Amino acid sequence: AYVLQSHEEDDKKVRRREKNRVAAQRSRKKQTQKADKLHEEYESLEQENTSLKREIGKLTDEMKHLSEVLKDHEKICPLLHCTMNFVTVPCPDALASCLPR
């Protein structure tokens, strides 16, 4: 009876060890998949960040250009030099010469 019980206990140990090995394998695989997913997300965010920085650069250049254009226009704008520029309705001739054609 003792030999039989010892053999059953050995079988239980072997099954438990196998079950534990499979669970550990599954856990490691899950961790690897999670790490891979995080790496892909990181790469994607890096690309988006680079793209957004490029867009910021373009918009900043455009803003500088438009500021220069406005500054140059202000020097010659009849509306800004008109003695009646506080009147709510500017004179149509002055306005027409300012507007793009």
PDB file of N, CA and C in Angstrom:
ATOM      1  N   ALA A   1       0.824  -1.189   0.000  1.00  0.00           N
ATOM      2  CA  ALA A   1       0.000   0.000   0.000  1.00  0.00           C
ATOM      3  C   ALA A   1       0.870   1.255   0.000  1.00  0.00           C
ATOM      4  N   TYR A   2       1.968   1.196   0.763  1.00  0.00           N
ATOM      5  CA  TYR A   2       2.863   2.358   0.854  1.00  0.00           C
ATOM      6  C   TYR A   2       3.504   2.664  -0.495  1.00  0.00           C
ATOM      7  N   VAL A   3       3.914   1.650  -1.223  1.00  0.00           N
ATOM      8  CA  VAL A   3       4.539   1.810  -2.536  1.00  0.00           C
ATOM      9  C   VAL A   3       3.541   2.412  -3.505  1.00  0.00           C
ATOM     10  N   LEU A   4       2.304   1.965  -3.464  1.00  0.00           N
ATOM     11  CA  LEU A   4       1.247   2.475  -4.339  1.00  0.00           C
ATOM     12  C   LEU A   4       0.993   3.951  -4.067  1.00  0.00           C
ATOM     13  N   GLN A   5       0.910   4.322  -2.784  1.00  0.00           N
ATOM     14  CA  GLN A   5       0.663   5.710  -2.393  1.00  0.00           C
ATOM     15  C   GLN A   5       1.825   6.598  -2.861  1.00  0.00           C
ATOM     16  N   SER A   6       3.041   6.136  -2.693  1.00  0.00           N
ATOM     17  CA  SER A   6       4.226   6.880  -3.105  1.00  0.00           C
ATOM     18  C   SER A   6       4.224   7.090  -4.624  1.00  0.00           C
ATOM     19  N   HIS A   7       3.814   6.067  -5.367  1.00  0.00           N
ATOM     20  CA  HIS A   7       3.741   6.165  -6.828  1.00  0.00           C
ATOM     21  C   HIS A   7       2.685   7.194  -7.255  1.00  0.00           C
ATOM     22  N   GLU A   8       1.546   7.218  -6.569  1.00  0.00           N
ATOM     23  CA  GLU A   8       0.481   8.193  -6.866  1.00  0.00           C
ATOM     24  C   GLU A   8       0.960   9.604  -6.566  1.00  0.00           C
ATOM     25  N   GLU A   9       1.675   9.768  -5.465  1.00  0.00           N
ATOM     26  CA  GLU A   9       2.203  11.087  -5.103  1.00  0.00           C
ATOM     27  C   GLU A   9       3.210  11.562  -6.160  1.00  0.00           C
ATOM     28  N   ASP A  10       4.035  10.648  -6.649  1.00  0.00           N
ATOM     29  CA  ASP A  10       4.997  10.996  -7.700  1.00  0.00           C
ATOM     30  C   ASP A  10       4.265  11.437  -8.965  1.00  0.00           C
ATOM     31  N   ASP A  11       3.200  10.711  -9.320  1.00  0.00           N
ATOM     32  CA  ASP A  11       2.397  11.089 -10.494  1.00  0.00           C
ATOM     33  C   ASP A  11       1.793  12.486 -10.325  1.00  0.00           C
ATOM     34  N   LYS A  12       1.281  12.772  -9.105  1.00  0.00           N
ATOM     35  CA  LYS A  12       0.694  14.094  -8.827  1.00  0.00           C
ATOM     36  C   LYS A  12       1.761  15.181  -8.971  1.00  0.00           C
ATOM     37  N   LYS A  13       2.960  14.910  -8.446  1.00  0.00           N
ATOM     38  CA  LYS A  13       4.055  15.877  -8.540  1.00  0.00           C
ATOM     39  C   LYS A  13       4.410  16.155 -10.000  1.00  0.00           C
ATOM     40  N   VAL A  14       4.489  15.081 -10.783  1.00  0.00           N
ATOM     41  CA  VAL A  14       4.834  15.213 -12.203  1.00  0.00           C
ATOM     42  C   VAL A  14       3.766  16.027 -12.923  1.00  0.00           C
ATOM     43  N   ARG A  15       2.497  15.721 -12.661  1.00  0.00           N
ATOM     44  CA  ARG A  15       1.389  16.469 -13.305  1.00  0.00           C
ATOM     45  C   ARG A  15       1.401  17.937 -12.873  1.00  0.00           C
ATOM     46  N   ARG A  16       1.629  18.155 -11.572  1.00  0.00           N
ATOM     47  CA  ARG A  16       1.657  19.528 -11.056  1.00  0.00           C
ATOM     48  C   ARG A  16       2.824  20.315 -11.675  1.00  0.00           C
ATOM     49  N   ARG A  17       3.992  19.656 -11.781  1.00  0.00           N
ATOM     50  CA  ARG A  17       5.161  20.290 -12.384  1.00  0.00           C
ATOM     51  C   ARG A  17       4.893  20.651 -13.850  1.00  0.00           C
ATOM     52  N   GLU A  18       4.278  19.727 -14.582  1.00  0.00           N
ATOM     53  CA  GLU A  18       3.952  19.949 -15.995  1.00  0.00           C
ATOM     54  C   GLU A  18       2.964  21.109 -16.143  1.00  0.00           C
ATOM     55  N   LYS A  19       1.959  21.095 -15.277  1.00  0.00           N
ATOM     56  CA  LYS A  19       0.951  22.162 -15.305  1.00  0.00           C
ATOM     57  C   LYS A  19       1.604  23.528 -15.017  1.00  0.00           C
ATOM     58  N   ASN A  20       2.489  23.529 -14.036  1.00  0.00           N
ATOM     59  CA  ASN A  20       3.200  24.751 -13.672  1.00  0.00           C
ATOM     60  C   ASN A  20       4.100  25.230 -14.814  1.00  0.00           C
ATOM     61  N   ARG A  21       4.779  24.278 -15.477  1.00  0.00           N
ATOM     62  CA  ARG A  21       5.659  24.610 -16.601  1.00  0.00           C
ATOM     63  C   ARG A  21       4.857  25.249 -17.733  1.00  0.00           C
ATOM     64  N   VAL A  22       3.701  24.670 -18.045  1.00  0.00           N
ATOM     65  CA  VAL A  22       2.849  25.197 -19.110  1.00  0.00           C
ATOM     66  C   VAL A  22       2.344  26.598 -18.728  1.00  0.00           C
ATOM     67  N   ALA A  23       1.944  26.771 -17.475  1.00  0.00           N
ATOM     68  CA  ALA A  23       1.458  28.081 -17.007  1.00  0.00           C
ATOM     69  C   ALA A  23       2.568  29.132 -17.089  1.00  0.00           C
ATOM     70  N   ALA A  24       3.791  28.756 -16.697  1.00  0.00           N
ATOM     71  CA  ALA A  24       4.924  29.685 -16.760  1.00  0.00           C
ATOM     72  C   ALA A  24       5.227  30.065 -18.207  1.00  0.00           C
ATOM     73  N   GLN A  25       5.153  29.062 -19.095  1.00  0.00           N
ATOM     74  CA  GLN A  25       5.384  29.301 -20.526  1.00  0.00           C
ATOM     75  C   GLN A  25       4.350  30.295 -21.080  1.00  0.00           C
ATOM     76  N   ARG A  26       3.086  30.059 -20.697  1.00  0.00           N
ATOM     77  CA  ARG A  26       2.000  30.926 -21.145  1.00  0.00           C
ATOM     78  C   ARG A  26       2.210  32.359 -20.621  1.00  0.00           C
ATOM     79  N   SER A  27       2.631  32.453 -19.365  1.00  0.00           N
ATOM     80  CA  SER A  27       2.873  33.761 -18.751  1.00  0.00           C
ATOM     81  C   SER A  27       4.000  34.512 -19.467  1.00  0.00           C
ATOM     82  N   ARG A  28       5.101  33.806 -19.770  1.00  0.00           N
ATOM     83  CA  ARG A  28       6.220  34.441 -20.482  1.00  0.00           C
ATOM     84  C   ARG A  28       5.802  34.903 -21.876  1.00  0.00           C
ATOM     85  N   LYS A  29       4.999  34.090 -22.555  1.00  0.00           N
ATOM     86  CA  LYS A  29       4.523  34.448 -23.887  1.00  0.00           C
ATOM     87  C   LYS A  29       3.660  35.709 -23.822  1.00  0.00           C
ATOM     88  N   LYS A  30       2.790  35.759 -22.808  1.00  0.00           N
ATOM     89  CA  LYS A  30       1.913  36.920 -22.621  1.00  0.00           C
ATOM     90  C   LYS A  30       2.747  38.190 -22.361  1.00  0.00           C
ATOM     91  N   GLN A  31       3.781  38.073 -21.526  1.00  0.00           N
ATOM     92  CA  GLN A  31       4.662  39.209 -21.233  1.00  0.00           C
ATOM     93  C   GLN A  31       5.375  39.684 -22.505  1.00  0.00           C
ATOM     94  N   THR A  32       5.835  38.729 -23.304  1.00  0.00           N
ATOM     95  CA  THR A  32       6.520  39.075 -24.551  1.00  0.00           C
ATOM     96  C   THR A  32       5.570  39.803 -25.502  1.00  0.00           C
ATOM     97  N   GLN A  33       4.341  39.301 -25.616  1.00  0.00           N
ATOM     98  CA  GLN A  33       3.353  39.951 -26.485  1.00  0.00           C
ATOM     99  C   GLN A  33       3.057  41.366 -26.001  1.00  0.00           C
ATOM    100  N   LYS A  34       2.949  41.531 -24.682  1.00  0.00           N
ATOM    101  CA  LYS A  34       2.679  42.859 -24.107  1.00  0.00           C
ATOM    102  C   LYS A  34       3.834  43.815 -24.418  1.00  0.00           C
ATOM    103  N   ALA A  35       5.062  43.321 -24.274  1.00  0.00           N
ATOM    104  CA  ALA A  35       6.247  44.139 -24.565  1.00  0.00           C
ATOM    105  C   ALA A  35       6.291  44.515 -26.047  1.00  0.00           C
ATOM    106  N   ASP A  36       5.953  43.565 -26.921  1.00  0.00           N
ATOM    107  CA  ASP A  36       5.924  43.837 -28.358  1.00  0.00           C
ATOM    108  C   ASP A  36       4.890  44.908 -28.693  1.00  0.00           C
ATOM    109  N   LYS A  37       3.720  44.789 -28.074  1.00  0.00           N
ATOM    110  CA  LYS A  37       2.647  45.759 -28.310  1.00  0.00           C
ATOM    111  C   LYS A  37       3.067  47.159 -27.854  1.00  0.00           C
ATOM    112  N   LEU A  38       3.704  47.227 -26.682  1.00  0.00           N
ATOM    113  CA  LEU A  38       4.182  48.521 -26.174  1.00  0.00           C
ATOM    114  C   LEU A  38       5.239  49.117 -27.103  1.00  0.00           C
ATOM    115  N   HIS A  39       6.103  48.273 -27.631  1.00  0.00           N
ATOM    116  CA  HIS A  39       7.149  48.747 -28.540  1.00  0.00           C
ATOM    117  C   HIS A  39       6.528  49.305 -29.830  1.00  0.00           C
ATOM    118  N   GLU A  40       5.534  48.601 -30.360  1.00  0.00           N
ATOM    119  CA  GLU A  40       4.848  49.083 -31.562  1.00  0.00           C
ATOM    120  C   GLU A  40       4.172  50.421 -31.301  1.00  0.00           C
ATOM    121  N   GLU A  41       3.523  50.539 -30.127  1.00  0.00           N
ATOM    122  CA  GLU A  41       2.860  51.791 -29.762  1.00  0.00           C
ATOM    123  C   GLU A  41       3.878  52.920 -29.639  1.00  0.00           C
ATOM    124  N   TYR A  42       5.028  52.616 -29.041  1.00  0.00           N
ATOM    125  CA  TYR A  42       6.105  53.592 -28.901  1.00  0.00           C
ATOM    126  C   TYR A  42       6.567  54.091 -30.276  1.00  0.00           C
ATOM    127  N   GLU A  43       6.797  53.146 -31.190  1.00  0.00           N
ATOM    128  CA  GLU A  43       7.247  53.498 -32.545  1.00  0.00           C
ATOM    129  C   GLU A  43       6.218  54.399 -33.237  1.00  0.00           C
ATOM    130  N   SER A  44       4.955  54.037 -33.101  1.00  0.00           N
ATOM    131  CA  SER A  44       3.881  54.806 -33.721  1.00  0.00           C
ATOM    132  C   SER A  44       3.823  56.226 -33.151  1.00  0.00           C
ATOM    133  N   LEU A  45       3.949  56.350 -31.830  1.00  0.00           N
ATOM    134  CA  LEU A  45       3.922  57.668 -31.188  1.00  0.00           C
ATOM    135  C   LEU A  45       5.146  58.497 -31.574  1.00  0.00           C
ATOM    136  N   GLU A  46       6.280  57.848 -31.724  1.00  0.00           N
ATOM    137  CA  GLU A  46       7.487  58.557 -32.162  1.00  0.00           C
ATOM    138  C   GLU A  46       7.288  59.142 -33.562  1.00  0.00           C
ATOM    139  N   GLN A  47       6.696  58.348 -34.459  1.00  0.00           N
ATOM    140  CA  GLN A  47       6.434  58.833 -35.821  1.00  0.00           C
ATOM    141  C   GLN A  47       5.452  60.002 -35.799  1.00  0.00           C
ATOM    142  N   GLU A  48       4.405  59.859 -34.994  1.00  0.00           N
ATOM    143  CA  GLU A  48       3.412  60.935 -34.894  1.00  0.00           C
ATOM    144  C   GLU A  48       4.054  62.204 -34.334  1.00  0.00           C
ATOM    145  N   ASN A  49       4.907  62.042 -33.333  1.00  0.00           N
ATOM    146  CA  ASN A  49       5.599  63.177 -32.721  1.00  0.00           C
ATOM    147  C   ASN A  49       6.475  63.892 -33.750  1.00  0.00           C
ATOM    148  N   THR A  50       7.225  63.122 -34.526  1.00  0.00           N
ATOM    149  CA  THR A  50       8.079  63.698 -35.567  1.00  0.00           C
ATOM    150  C   THR A  50       7.241  64.462 -36.585  1.00  0.00           C
ATOM    151  N   SER A  51       6.127  63.868 -36.982  1.00  0.00           N
ATOM    152  CA  SER A  51       5.231  64.494 -37.954  1.00  0.00           C
ATOM    153  C   SER A  51       4.659  65.805 -37.403  1.00  0.00           C
ATOM    154  N   LEU A  52       4.247  65.791 -36.143  1.00  0.00           N
ATOM    155  CA  LEU A  52       3.681  66.999 -35.521  1.00  0.00           C
ATOM    156  C   LEU A  52       4.734  68.104 -35.374  1.00  0.00           C
ATOM    157  N   LYS A  53       5.968  67.714 -35.053  1.00  0.00           N
ATOM    158  CA  LYS A  53       7.045  68.711 -34.951  1.00  0.00           C
ATOM    159  C   LYS A  53       7.307  69.352 -36.311  1.00  0.00           C
ATOM    160  N   ARG A  54       7.254  68.530 -37.366  1.00  0.00           N
ATOM    161  CA  ARG A  54       7.437  69.046 -38.723  1.00  0.00           C
ATOM    162  C   ARG A  54       6.314  70.048 -39.059  1.00  0.00           C
ATOM    163  N   GLU A  55       5.092  69.682 -38.685  1.00  0.00           N
ATOM    164  CA  GLU A  55       3.946  70.564 -38.945  1.00  0.00           C
ATOM    165  C   GLU A  55       4.074  71.867 -38.166  1.00  0.00           C
ATOM    166  N   ILE A  56       4.526  71.790 -36.918  1.00  0.00           N
ATOM    167  CA  ILE A  56       4.744  72.995 -36.105  1.00  0.00           C
ATOM    168  C   ILE A  56       5.755  73.900 -36.800  1.00  0.00           C
ATOM    169  N   GLY A  57       6.833  73.301 -37.316  1.00  0.00           N
ATOM    170  CA  GLY A  57       7.853  74.084 -38.029  1.00  0.00           C
ATOM    171  C   GLY A  57       7.272  74.804 -39.232  1.00  0.00           C
ATOM    172  N   LYS A  58       6.481  74.089 -40.043  1.00  0.00           N
ATOM    173  CA  LYS A  58       5.860  74.697 -41.227  1.00  0.00           C
ATOM    174  C   LYS A  58       4.919  75.829 -40.832  1.00  0.00           C
ATOM    175  N   LEU A  59       4.094  75.589 -39.809  1.00  0.00           N
ATOM    176  CA  LEU A  59       3.135  76.617 -39.379  1.00  0.00           C
ATOM    177  C   LEU A  59       3.847  77.836 -38.791  1.00  0.00           C
ATOM    178  N   THR A  60       4.951  77.594 -38.087  1.00  0.00           N
ATOM    179  CA  THR A  60       5.726  78.705 -37.527  1.00  0.00           C
ATOM    180  C   THR A  60       6.320  79.548 -38.653  1.00  0.00           C
ATOM    181  N   ASP A  61       6.863  78.886 -39.681  1.00  0.00           N
ATOM    182  CA  ASP A  61       7.404  79.609 -40.841  1.00  0.00           C
ATOM    183  C   ASP A  61       6.311  80.411 -41.543  1.00  0.00           C
ATOM    184  N   GLU A  62       5.136  79.790 -41.698  1.00  0.00           N
ATOM    185  CA  GLU A  62       4.021  80.482 -42.352  1.00  0.00           C
ATOM    186  C   GLU A  62       3.592  81.702 -41.533  1.00  0.00           C
ATOM    187  N   MET A  63       3.544  81.546 -40.211  1.00  0.00           N
ATOM    188  CA  MET A  63       3.165  82.657 -39.344  1.00  0.00           C
ATOM    189  C   MET A  63       4.172  83.813 -39.465  1.00  0.00           C
ATOM    190  N   LYS A  64       5.462  83.491 -39.484  1.00  0.00           N
ATOM    191  CA  LYS A  64       6.488  84.533 -39.630  1.00  0.00           C
ATOM    192  C   LYS A  64       6.309  85.260 -40.962  1.00  0.00           C
ATOM    193  N   HIS A  65       6.091  84.482 -42.032  1.00  0.00           N
ATOM    194  CA  HIS A  65       5.901  85.068 -43.358  1.00  0.00           C
ATOM    195  C   HIS A  65       4.682  85.992 -43.375  1.00  0.00           C
ATOM    196  N   LEU A  66       3.578  85.517 -42.823  1.00  0.00           N
ATOM    197  CA  LEU A  66       2.352  86.331 -42.825  1.00  0.00           C
ATOM    198  C   LEU A  66       2.506  87.576 -41.951  1.00  0.00           C
ATOM    199  N   SER A  67       3.253  87.467 -40.866  1.00  0.00           N
ATOM    200  CA  SER A  67       3.510  88.635 -40.016  1.00  0.00           C
ATOM    201  C   SER A  67       4.308  89.688 -40.778  1.00  0.00           C
ATOM    202  N   GLU A  68       5.312  89.221 -41.548  1.00  0.00           N
ATOM    203  CA  GLU A  68       6.105  90.142 -42.362  1.00  0.00           C
ATOM    204  C   GLU A  68       5.230  90.816 -43.423  1.00  0.00           C
ATOM    205  N   VAL A  69       4.380  90.015 -44.083  1.00  0.00           N
ATOM    206  CA  VAL A  69       3.483  90.558 -45.104  1.00  0.00           C
ATOM    207  C   VAL A  69       2.570  91.613 -44.488  1.00  0.00           C
ATOM    208  N   LEU A  70       2.036  91.315 -43.313  1.00  0.00           N
ATOM    209  CA  LEU A  70       1.146  92.264 -42.636  1.00  0.00           C
ATOM    210  C   LEU A  70       1.901  93.529 -42.246  1.00  0.00           C
ATOM    211  N   LYS A  71       3.104  93.366 -41.733  1.00  0.00           N
ATOM    212  CA  LYS A  71       3.901  94.529 -41.330  1.00  0.00           C
ATOM    213  C   LYS A  71       4.192  95.416 -42.545  1.00  0.00           C
ATOM    214  N   ASP A  72       4.557  94.786 -43.670  1.00  0.00           N
ATOM    215  CA  ASP A  72       4.806  95.552 -44.894  1.00  0.00           C
ATOM    216  C   ASP A  72       3.534  96.242 -45.370  1.00  0.00           C
ATOM    217  N   HIS A  73       2.406  95.560 -45.267  1.00  0.00           N
ATOM    218  CA  HIS A  73       1.140  96.140 -45.715  1.00  0.00           C
ATOM    219  C   HIS A  73       0.729  97.314 -44.835  1.00  0.00           C
ATOM    220  N   GLU A  74       0.961  97.190 -43.526  1.00  0.00           N
ATOM    221  CA  GLU A  74       0.566  98.265 -42.599  1.00  0.00           C
ATOM    222  C   GLU A  74       1.239  99.588 -42.962  1.00  0.00           C
ATOM    223  N   LYS A  75       2.452  99.517 -43.521  1.00  0.00           N
ATOM    224  CA  LYS A  75       3.190 100.735 -43.879  1.00  0.00           C
ATOM    225  C   LYS A  75       2.481 101.519 -44.982  1.00  0.00           C
ATOM    226  N   ILE A  76       1.795 100.802 -45.859  1.00  0.00           N
ATOM    227  CA  ILE A  76       1.177 101.474 -47.007  1.00  0.00           C
ATOM    228  C   ILE A  76      -0.353 101.470 -46.959  1.00  0.00           C
ATOM    229  N   CYS A  77      -0.946 100.929 -45.929  1.00  0.00           N
ATOM    230  CA  CYS A  77      -2.398 100.769 -45.862  1.00  0.00           C
ATOM    231  C   CYS A  77      -3.083 102.112 -45.670  1.00  0.00           C
ATOM    232  N   PRO A  78      -3.949 102.521 -46.616  1.00  0.00           N
ATOM    233  CA  PRO A  78      -4.643 103.799 -46.486  1.00  0.00           C
ATOM    234  C   PRO A  78      -5.613 103.804 -45.306  1.00  0.00           C
ATOM    235  N   LEU A  79      -6.123 102.670 -44.930  1.00  0.00           N
ATOM    236  CA  LEU A  79      -7.064 102.639 -43.802  1.00  0.00           C
ATOM    237  C   LEU A  79      -6.370 103.025 -42.498  1.00  0.00           C
ATOM    238  N   LEU A  80      -5.115 102.620 -42.348  1.00  0.00           N
ATOM    239  CA  LEU A  80      -4.390 102.926 -41.115  1.00  0.00           C
ATOM    240  C   LEU A  80      -3.921 104.382 -41.082  1.00  0.00           C
ATOM    241  N   HIS A  81      -3.767 105.014 -42.265  1.00  0.00           N
ATOM    242  CA  HIS A  81      -3.275 106.387 -42.320  1.00  0.00           C
ATOM    243  C   HIS A  81      -4.401 107.403 -42.497  1.00  0.00           C
ATOM    244  N   CYS A  82      -5.593 106.917 -42.684  1.00  0.00           N
ATOM    245  CA  CYS A  82      -6.742 107.798 -42.913  1.00  0.00           C
ATOM    246  C   CYS A  82      -7.060 108.558 -41.631  1.00  0.00           C
ATOM    247  N   THR A  83      -7.347 109.833 -41.737  1.00  0.00           N
ATOM    248  CA  THR A  83      -7.673 110.637 -40.549  1.00  0.00           C
ATOM    249  C   THR A  83      -9.012 110.216 -39.955  1.00  0.00           C
ATOM    250  N   MET A  84      -9.778 109.473 -40.724  1.00  0.00           N
ATOM    251  CA  MET A  84     -11.091 109.051 -40.233  1.00  0.00           C
ATOM    252  C   MET A  84     -11.093 107.560 -39.883  1.00  0.00           C
ATOM    253  N   ASN A  85      -9.958 107.008 -39.489  1.00  0.00           N
ATOM    254  CA  ASN A  85      -9.923 105.562 -39.245  1.00  0.00           C
ATOM    255  C   ASN A  85     -10.675 105.151 -37.983  1.00  0.00           C
ATOM    256  N   PHE A  86     -11.198 106.097 -37.225  1.00  0.00           N
ATOM    257  CA  PHE A  86     -12.013 105.749 -36.066  1.00  0.00           C
ATOM    258  C   PHE A  86     -13.489 105.645 -36.432  1.00  0.00           C
ATOM    259  N   VAL A  87     -13.833 106.035 -37.647  1.00  0.00           N
ATOM    260  CA  VAL A  87     -15.206 105.910 -38.114  1.00  0.00           C
ATOM    261  C   VAL A  87     -15.477 104.432 -38.347  1.00  0.00           C
ATOM    262  N   THR A  88     -16.683 103.986 -37.974  1.00  0.00           N
ATOM    263  CA  THR A  88     -16.974 102.555 -38.053  1.00  0.00           C
ATOM    264  C   THR A  88     -17.019 102.042 -39.482  1.00  0.00           C
ATOM    265  N   VAL A  89     -17.445 102.865 -40.448  1.00  0.00           N
ATOM    266  CA  VAL A  89     -17.500 102.425 -41.838  1.00  0.00           C
ATOM    267  C   VAL A  89     -16.414 103.159 -42.599  1.00  0.00           C
ATOM    268  N   PRO A  90     -15.345 102.477 -42.998  1.00  0.00           N
ATOM    269  CA  PRO A  90     -14.266 103.164 -43.732  1.00  0.00           C
ATOM    270  C   PRO A  90     -14.727 103.546 -45.130  1.00  0.00           C
ATOM    271  N   CYS A  91     -14.021 104.505 -45.690  1.00  0.00           N
ATOM    272  CA  CYS A  91     -14.432 104.938 -47.014  1.00  0.00           C
ATOM    273  C   CYS A  91     -14.154 103.827 -48.026  1.00  0.00           C
ATOM    274  N   PRO A  92     -15.110 103.538 -48.917  1.00  0.00           N
ATOM    275  CA  PRO A  92     -15.020 102.381 -49.813  1.00  0.00           C
ATOM    276  C   PRO A  92     -13.790 102.399 -50.711  1.00  0.00           C
ATOM    277  N   ASP A  93     -13.338 103.564 -51.158  1.00  0.00           N
ATOM    278  CA  ASP A  93     -12.173 103.632 -52.044  1.00  0.00           C
ATOM    279  C   ASP A  93     -10.916 103.151 -51.323  1.00  0.00           C
ATOM    280  N   ALA A  94     -10.758 103.586 -50.084  1.00  0.00           N
ATOM    281  CA  ALA A  94      -9.586 103.172 -49.311  1.00  0.00           C
ATOM    282  C   ALA A  94      -9.624 101.666 -49.052  1.00  0.00           C
ATOM    283  N   LEU A  95     -10.805 101.161 -48.734  1.00  0.00           N
ATOM    284  CA  LEU A  95     -10.945  99.741 -48.466  1.00  0.00           C
ATOM    285  C   LEU A  95     -10.651  98.916 -49.710  1.00  0.00           C
ATOM    286  N   ALA A  96     -11.129  99.357 -50.831  1.00  0.00           N
ATOM    287  CA  ALA A  96     -10.921  98.619 -52.090  1.00  0.00           C
ATOM    288  C   ALA A  96      -9.437  98.529 -52.450  1.00  0.00           C
ATOM    289  N   SER A  97      -8.678  99.578 -52.145  1.00  0.00           N
ATOM    290  CA  SER A  97      -7.257  99.539 -52.484  1.00  0.00           C
ATOM    291  C   SER A  97      -6.471  98.607 -51.558  1.00  0.00           C
ATOM    292  N   CYS A  98      -7.019  98.262 -50.412  1.00  0.00           N
ATOM    293  CA  CYS A  98      -6.355  97.373 -49.461  1.00  0.00           C
ATOM    294  C   CYS A  98      -6.637  95.907 -49.733  1.00  0.00           C
ATOM    295  N   LEU A  99      -7.814  95.641 -50.232  1.00  0.00           N
ATOM    296  CA  LEU A  99      -8.229  94.252 -50.383  1.00  0.00           C
ATOM    297  C   LEU A  99      -7.515  93.581 -51.537  1.00  0.00           C
ATOM    298  N   PRO A 100      -7.250  92.287 -51.413  1.00  0.00           N
ATOM    299  CA  PRO A 100      -6.598  91.582 -52.543  1.00  0.00           C
ATOM    300  C   PRO A 100      -7.531  91.501 -53.742  1.00  0.00           C
ATOM    301  N   ARG A 101      -6.941  91.506 -54.911  1.00  0.00           N
ATOM    302  CA  ARG A 101      -7.767  91.469 -56.124  1.00  0.00           C
ATOM    303  C   ARG A 101      -7.806  90.094 -56.706  1.00  0.00           C
TER     304      ARG A 101
END
